[in-house]
Amino acid sequence: MQIGWRTFIKGLFKKAPKFHSVGIEIGVNNVNISTLEKVKGELNWIKQHSAPIDNWQTTLKNYVESNHLSNTQCHIALSISKYQLLQLDRPAVEDAELNQALQWAVKDQLVSEEKLVIDYFDPPATHLVKKLNVVAVNKQDIIEIRNGVIKAGLVLNTIGIAELAICNLLTSSEDAIITLKQEESGQLILNIVKRKQLFFSRRLRGYENLANFSPEELKMGIVDNLSLEIQRSMDYFESQLRQAPIKKVYISLDTIHQESLADLIKEVIFISVEKFIPDVTKADEIPITPSSYASLGAALHNASSIV
C-alpha cells in the first residue's frame, strides 16, 4: 500500500510522544487507561484513569488532549466479556491456510449472526498438545475500537485479550505460578504462567457474590470448591502438559477477606497463596486495584494481538 504525500508530510511534523505507552482495557461498564513513561531506561507507571464505557471514544479523546498523550503507542486489552476464547485442534493445513481453516472450526463451535474477527496463539507446550488458542471477536467492536483510538490521537499498536495482558504483570521465571483474578463480570480468570507465557487458562463461574461472604461463610463450601478448581488445574498442568509442579498462587478477588481466603486455600492445596501485586515501578499516588491490571498489562507491551 502506498502512502499519500499529504499523509507523509503530515507525519514528518508529528510531535514526538513524551510517554512510552498507553494501555486501555475495554470493559463492560468502564474503560481503564494506564500510562507508562520511560525514565533512564526503566518503565514507570505514572497515570491511571477509569471512565464509563458510554461514549468512551469522546472521553478518551478529551483525556489524551488534557494529558498531552498524542502520538503515544497504544495497546488495547479486551475484557473477557468482549470475546470468546476457544481451544481447538490444530487443523492439518499449511500455516498460510490456518486462519481460513479456523474460520470454519469457530463457526461450528459458535452460533452467531455477527461477523467475527478470528485470530489464534500457540500454547507454549504445543509439542505435547496439538491445540491452538483461538480468539473470536465481533468485527464491529474492532472497527469501533480502531476508530476511537485513532481519532483520540493515539497510535494503535495491538489489540489483545485480558488473559495475555495479565501475563505481562509477572516477573519472568522458570517456576510456574497461578494467577486467580476476579473480573468486572464476577467471573474468575485462572491463568497458569511460566516465563511470562500463558500455558493454561480457565474461566470460573459461580463466585460473583464473593464480596458478600464473611470468613465463616467462605468456609461453608466456597473455599473447598475454589481450591478444588485450582487443584484440578494444577493436576492438568503437571500430568497432561508434563510440567514441573506449580510453586505459588497469586489471587486478586473481590472480597475484603482476601488474606483470610488465601490462608484457607493454602491449607487445602499446600502451596503459597499471596495477594497479586504487579511487577512494575509506579507513582506513589496510584493505587493498585484489580480494575487496573488488564490496562496496565496492555501498556507493558502485550505481545499477542488479534488485529
Protein backbone atom coordinates (compact mmCIF):
# COMPACT_ATOMS: atom_id res chain seq x y z
CA MET A 1 0.00 0.00 0.00
CA GLN A 2 1.38 3.43 -0.95
CA ILE A 3 1.10 6.33 1.45
CA GLY A 4 -0.17 9.67 0.08
CA TRP A 5 2.23 12.61 0.07
CA ARG A 6 -0.08 14.68 2.30
CA THR A 7 -0.11 11.93 4.92
CA PHE A 8 3.67 11.57 4.62
CA ILE A 9 4.34 15.29 5.09
CA LYS A 10 1.88 15.45 7.99
CA GLY A 11 3.69 12.52 9.66
CA LEU A 12 7.03 14.32 9.45
CA PHE A 13 5.72 17.10 11.65
CA LYS A 14 4.10 14.94 14.30
CA LYS A 15 5.38 15.81 17.72
CA ALA A 16 7.39 13.03 19.35
CA PRO A 17 5.44 11.47 22.25
CA LYS A 18 6.52 12.25 25.80
CA PHE A 19 5.23 8.94 27.15
CA HIS A 20 6.24 5.37 26.42
CA SER A 21 2.84 3.70 26.03
CA VAL A 22 -0.84 3.78 26.91
CA GLY A 23 -2.77 0.64 27.78
CA ILE A 24 -6.56 0.60 27.57
CA GLU A 25 -8.93 -2.08 28.81
CA ILE A 26 -12.32 -2.08 27.09
CA GLY A 27 -14.74 -3.48 29.66
CA VAL A 28 -18.49 -3.90 30.09
CA ASN A 29 -19.15 -0.80 32.19
CA ASN A 30 -15.82 1.02 32.12
CA VAL A 31 -12.68 1.76 30.17
CA ASN A 32 -9.45 1.73 32.17
CA ILE A 33 -6.39 3.64 30.98
CA SER A 34 -2.79 3.12 32.16
CA THR A 35 0.11 5.32 31.07
CA LEU A 36 3.80 4.43 31.23
CA GLU A 37 6.83 6.69 30.98
CA LYS A 38 10.40 5.53 30.45
CA VAL A 39 12.97 7.23 32.70
CA LYS A 40 16.64 6.24 32.36
CA GLY A 41 15.65 3.04 30.63
CA GLU A 42 13.12 2.00 33.28
CA LEU A 43 9.37 1.94 32.76
CA ASN A 44 7.28 3.80 35.31
CA TRP A 45 3.51 3.59 35.75
CA ILE A 46 2.59 7.26 36.18
CA LYS A 47 -1.13 7.66 35.35
CA GLN A 48 -4.30 5.61 35.87
CA HIS A 49 -7.82 6.59 34.87
CA SER A 50 -11.24 4.95 34.70
CA ALA A 51 -14.33 6.22 32.89
CA PRO A 52 -17.81 4.89 31.99
CA ILE A 53 -17.99 2.88 28.78
CA ASP A 54 -20.76 5.09 27.39
CA ASN A 55 -19.31 7.44 24.77
CA TRP A 56 -15.82 6.24 25.68
CA GLN A 57 -14.33 7.45 22.40
CA THR A 58 -15.08 11.09 23.23
CA THR A 59 -13.88 10.58 26.81
CA LEU A 60 -10.62 9.09 25.53
CA LYS A 61 -10.06 11.94 23.07
CA ASN A 62 -10.52 14.52 25.83
CA TYR A 63 -8.26 12.55 28.19
CA VAL A 64 -5.50 12.29 25.59
CA GLU A 65 -5.66 16.02 24.88
CA SER A 66 -5.71 17.10 28.53
CA ASN A 67 -2.81 14.80 29.45
CA HIS A 68 -0.71 15.51 26.34
CA LEU A 69 -0.69 11.86 25.25
CA SER A 70 -0.96 12.46 21.49
CA ASN A 71 1.10 10.12 19.27
CA THR A 72 1.79 7.71 22.15
CA GLN A 73 1.86 3.99 21.32
CA CYS A 74 -1.41 2.38 22.43
CA HIS A 75 -2.16 -1.24 23.32
CA ILE A 76 -5.73 -2.46 23.87
CA ALA A 77 -6.82 -5.30 26.17
CA LEU A 78 -10.34 -6.60 25.74
CA SER A 79 -12.07 -7.70 28.95
CA ILE A 80 -13.23 -11.32 28.98
CA SER A 81 -16.83 -10.32 28.20
CA LYS A 82 -15.75 -8.92 24.83
CA TYR A 83 -14.51 -12.10 23.15
CA GLN A 84 -14.69 -15.87 23.06
CA LEU A 85 -11.55 -17.87 23.81
CA LEU A 86 -11.58 -21.42 22.46
CA GLN A 87 -9.02 -24.20 22.47
CA LEU A 88 -9.32 -26.10 19.20
CA ASP A 89 -7.42 -28.90 17.50
CA ARG A 90 -4.81 -27.52 15.13
CA PRO A 91 -6.09 -28.03 11.55
CA ALA A 92 -3.88 -30.19 9.31
CA VAL A 93 -3.10 -27.38 6.85
CA GLU A 94 -0.16 -25.16 5.99
CA ASP A 95 0.42 -22.14 8.23
CA ALA A 96 -0.69 -19.79 5.45
CA GLU A 97 -4.09 -21.52 5.36
CA LEU A 98 -4.51 -21.80 9.11
CA ASN A 99 -6.60 -18.70 9.70
CA GLN A 100 -9.08 -19.62 6.98
CA ALA A 101 -9.39 -23.17 8.31
CA LEU A 102 -10.06 -21.84 11.80
CA GLN A 103 -12.95 -19.72 10.49
CA TRP A 104 -14.90 -22.90 9.76
CA ALA A 105 -13.93 -24.54 13.04
CA VAL A 106 -15.12 -21.50 15.01
CA LYS A 107 -18.43 -21.39 13.10
CA ASP A 108 -19.02 -24.99 14.19
CA GLN A 109 -18.39 -24.02 17.83
CA LEU A 110 -20.17 -20.65 17.99
CA VAL A 111 -23.68 -19.95 16.78
CA SER A 112 -23.58 -16.25 15.97
CA GLU A 113 -25.05 -13.92 13.37
CA GLU A 114 -22.27 -11.42 13.99
CA LYS A 115 -19.28 -11.04 11.69
CA LEU A 116 -16.28 -12.19 13.69
CA VAL A 117 -12.57 -11.43 13.65
CA ILE A 118 -10.62 -14.64 14.28
CA ASP A 119 -7.02 -14.99 15.38
CA TYR A 120 -5.01 -17.51 17.39
CA PHE A 121 -1.92 -18.03 19.51
CA ASP A 122 0.01 -21.21 20.24
CA PRO A 123 0.15 -22.67 23.76
CA PRO A 124 3.82 -22.93 24.82
CA ALA A 125 3.56 -26.72 25.22
CA THR A 126 2.40 -27.41 21.64
CA HIS A 127 4.91 -30.26 21.28
CA LEU A 128 2.71 -32.21 23.71
CA VAL A 129 -0.81 -30.94 22.96
CA LYS A 130 -1.63 -30.16 19.32
CA LYS A 131 -4.03 -27.36 20.15
CA LEU A 132 -4.47 -23.71 19.31
CA ASN A 133 -5.92 -20.94 21.46
CA VAL A 134 -8.43 -19.20 19.19
CA VAL A 135 -9.92 -15.76 19.85
CA ALA A 136 -13.20 -14.65 18.26
CA VAL A 137 -14.32 -11.01 18.47
CA ASN A 138 -17.23 -9.10 16.99
CA LYS A 139 -15.81 -7.32 13.92
CA GLN A 140 -17.86 -4.19 14.62
CA ASP A 141 -16.27 -3.90 18.07
CA ILE A 142 -12.82 -3.99 16.49
CA ILE A 143 -13.77 -1.28 14.00
CA GLU A 144 -15.13 0.97 16.76
CA ILE A 145 -12.02 0.47 18.88
CA ARG A 146 -9.72 1.22 15.95
CA ASN A 147 -11.61 4.37 15.02
CA GLY A 148 -11.89 5.59 18.61
CA VAL A 149 -8.17 5.19 19.32
CA ILE A 150 -7.07 6.83 16.07
CA LYS A 151 -9.47 9.76 16.49
CA ALA A 152 -8.17 10.26 20.02
CA GLY A 153 -4.69 10.82 18.58
CA LEU A 154 -3.03 7.66 19.86
CA VAL A 155 -1.00 5.24 17.72
CA LEU A 156 -2.79 1.88 17.79
CA ASN A 157 -0.23 -0.90 18.10
CA THR A 158 -2.01 -4.05 19.32
CA ILE A 159 -5.41 -5.32 20.33
CA GLY A 160 -5.10 -8.19 22.78
CA ILE A 161 -7.02 -10.03 25.48
CA ALA A 162 -7.12 -9.96 29.26
CA GLU A 163 -5.58 -13.40 29.77
CA LEU A 164 -2.42 -12.40 27.91
CA ALA A 165 -2.27 -8.88 29.34
CA ILE A 166 -2.12 -10.28 32.88
CA CYS A 167 0.97 -12.32 31.96
CA ASN A 168 2.87 -9.07 31.37
CA LEU A 169 2.50 -8.14 35.06
CA LEU A 170 4.66 -11.02 36.27
CA THR A 171 8.39 -11.48 36.65
CA SER A 172 9.75 -13.97 34.14
CA SER A 173 10.54 -17.20 35.99
CA GLU A 174 11.16 -20.88 35.29
CA ASP A 175 8.77 -21.63 38.16
CA ALA A 176 5.14 -21.82 37.10
CA ILE A 177 2.58 -19.81 39.03
CA ILE A 178 -1.20 -19.42 39.04
CA THR A 179 -2.93 -16.07 38.90
CA LEU A 180 -6.55 -16.02 40.02
CA LYS A 181 -8.24 -12.70 39.26
CA GLN A 182 -11.86 -11.60 39.55
CA GLU A 183 -13.22 -9.70 36.56
CA GLU A 184 -15.77 -6.91 36.33
CA SER A 185 -18.41 -9.51 35.39
CA GLY A 186 -17.72 -11.50 38.56
CA GLN A 187 -16.10 -14.39 36.69
CA LEU A 188 -12.67 -15.54 37.76
CA ILE A 189 -9.77 -15.93 35.33
CA LEU A 190 -7.37 -18.68 36.34
CA ASN A 191 -4.08 -18.46 34.43
CA ILE A 192 -1.06 -20.72 34.66
CA VAL A 193 2.00 -18.74 33.63
CA LYS A 194 5.64 -19.71 33.20
CA ARG A 195 8.35 -17.43 31.73
CA LYS A 196 5.55 -14.86 31.28
CA GLN A 197 3.89 -17.26 28.82
CA LEU A 198 0.31 -18.43 29.15
CA PHE A 199 0.27 -22.24 29.42
CA PHE A 200 -3.32 -22.69 30.52
CA SER A 201 -6.39 -20.57 31.21
CA ARG A 202 -9.85 -21.21 32.60
CA ARG A 203 -12.86 -19.06 33.45
CA LEU A 204 -14.64 -19.95 36.68
CA ARG A 205 -18.26 -19.01 37.24
CA GLY A 206 -20.32 -19.05 40.42
CA TYR A 207 -18.21 -16.66 42.51
CA GLU A 208 -19.99 -13.41 41.62
CA ASN A 209 -21.15 -12.82 45.23
CA LEU A 210 -17.78 -13.43 46.83
CA ALA A 211 -17.70 -9.90 48.30
CA ASN A 212 -20.82 -10.60 50.39
CA PHE A 213 -19.44 -13.55 52.37
CA SER A 214 -17.81 -13.45 55.80
CA PRO A 215 -14.77 -15.64 56.59
CA GLU A 216 -17.09 -18.11 58.32
CA GLU A 217 -19.36 -18.29 55.27
CA LEU A 218 -16.37 -18.74 52.96
CA LYS A 219 -15.56 -21.93 54.85
CA MET A 220 -19.00 -23.36 54.09
CA GLY A 221 -18.14 -24.86 50.69
CA ILE A 222 -16.72 -21.87 48.80
CA VAL A 223 -13.10 -22.41 49.82
CA ASP A 224 -13.32 -26.15 49.11
CA ASN A 225 -14.88 -25.59 45.67
CA LEU A 226 -12.37 -22.92 44.69
CA SER A 227 -9.46 -24.98 45.98
CA LEU A 228 -10.70 -27.97 44.00
CA GLU A 229 -10.72 -25.90 40.79
CA ILE A 230 -7.16 -24.74 41.49
CA GLN A 231 -6.03 -28.31 42.24
CA ARG A 232 -7.61 -29.65 39.04
CA SER A 233 -5.78 -27.01 37.03
CA MET A 234 -2.50 -27.87 38.73
CA ASP A 235 -3.02 -31.58 38.04
CA TYR A 236 -3.71 -30.92 34.34
CA PHE A 237 -0.61 -28.73 34.06
CA GLU A 238 1.61 -31.37 35.62
CA SER A 239 0.14 -34.56 34.11
CA GLN A 240 -1.12 -33.54 30.67
CA LEU A 241 1.42 -30.81 29.87
CA ARG A 242 4.19 -32.66 31.76
CA GLN A 243 5.40 -29.59 33.58
CA ALA A 244 7.08 -29.21 36.95
CA PRO A 245 4.78 -28.54 39.94
CA ILE A 246 3.38 -25.05 40.43
CA LYS A 247 5.10 -23.09 43.19
CA LYS A 248 2.71 -20.26 44.02
CA VAL A 249 -0.79 -18.86 43.59
CA TYR A 250 -1.45 -15.12 43.32
CA ILE A 251 -5.03 -14.01 43.97
CA SER A 252 -6.93 -10.79 43.31
CA LEU A 253 -10.51 -11.36 44.40
CA ASP A 254 -13.49 -9.14 45.18
CA THR A 255 -13.54 -9.56 48.96
CA ILE A 256 -12.21 -7.63 51.94
CA HIS A 257 -11.32 -11.02 53.42
CA GLN A 258 -8.75 -11.81 50.74
CA GLU A 259 -5.97 -12.52 53.25
CA SER A 260 -8.16 -14.95 55.18
CA LEU A 261 -9.26 -16.59 51.94
CA ALA A 262 -5.63 -17.00 50.87
CA ASP A 263 -4.82 -18.74 54.15
CA LEU A 264 -7.82 -21.05 53.80
CA ILE A 265 -6.90 -22.04 50.24
CA LYS A 266 -3.30 -22.64 51.29
CA GLU A 267 -4.48 -25.14 53.93
CA VAL A 268 -6.12 -27.19 51.16
CA ILE A 269 -3.60 -27.09 48.29
CA PHE A 270 -0.40 -26.86 50.40
CA ILE A 271 1.43 -24.21 48.36
CA SER A 272 1.95 -20.49 48.91
CA VAL A 273 -1.08 -18.26 48.22
CA GLU A 274 -0.47 -14.50 48.14
CA LYS A 275 -2.07 -11.25 47.04
CA PHE A 276 -1.38 -10.45 43.38
CA ILE A 277 0.86 -7.36 43.12
CA PRO A 278 2.05 -6.39 39.60
CA ASP A 279 5.80 -6.29 38.98
CA VAL A 280 6.08 -2.63 37.96
CA THR A 281 7.52 0.61 39.30
CA LYS A 282 4.75 3.13 39.94
CA ALA A 283 3.99 6.60 41.18
CA ASP A 284 3.14 6.65 44.90
CA GLU A 285 -0.32 8.14 44.39
CA ILE A 286 -1.52 5.34 42.09
CA PRO A 287 -3.44 2.63 44.00
CA ILE A 288 -3.04 -0.96 42.90
CA THR A 289 -6.53 -2.26 42.16
CA PRO A 290 -7.74 -5.26 40.12
CA SER A 291 -9.55 -2.93 37.71
CA SER A 292 -6.21 -1.56 36.51
CA TYR A 293 -4.47 -4.89 35.84
CA ALA A 294 -5.54 -5.51 32.23
CA SER A 295 -4.85 -1.95 31.05
CA LEU A 296 -1.50 -1.94 32.83
CA GLY A 297 -0.60 -5.32 31.33
CA ALA A 298 -1.51 -3.98 27.89
CA ALA A 299 0.67 -0.91 28.39
CA LEU A 300 3.56 -3.24 29.22
CA HIS A 301 3.54 -4.35 25.59
CA ASN A 302 1.04 -7.13 25.14
CA ALA A 303 2.87 -9.30 22.60
CA SER A 304 -0.12 -11.18 21.19
CA SER A 305 -2.59 -9.17 19.14
CA ILE A 306 -5.76 -10.07 17.31
CA VAL A 307 -5.61 -7.47 14.53
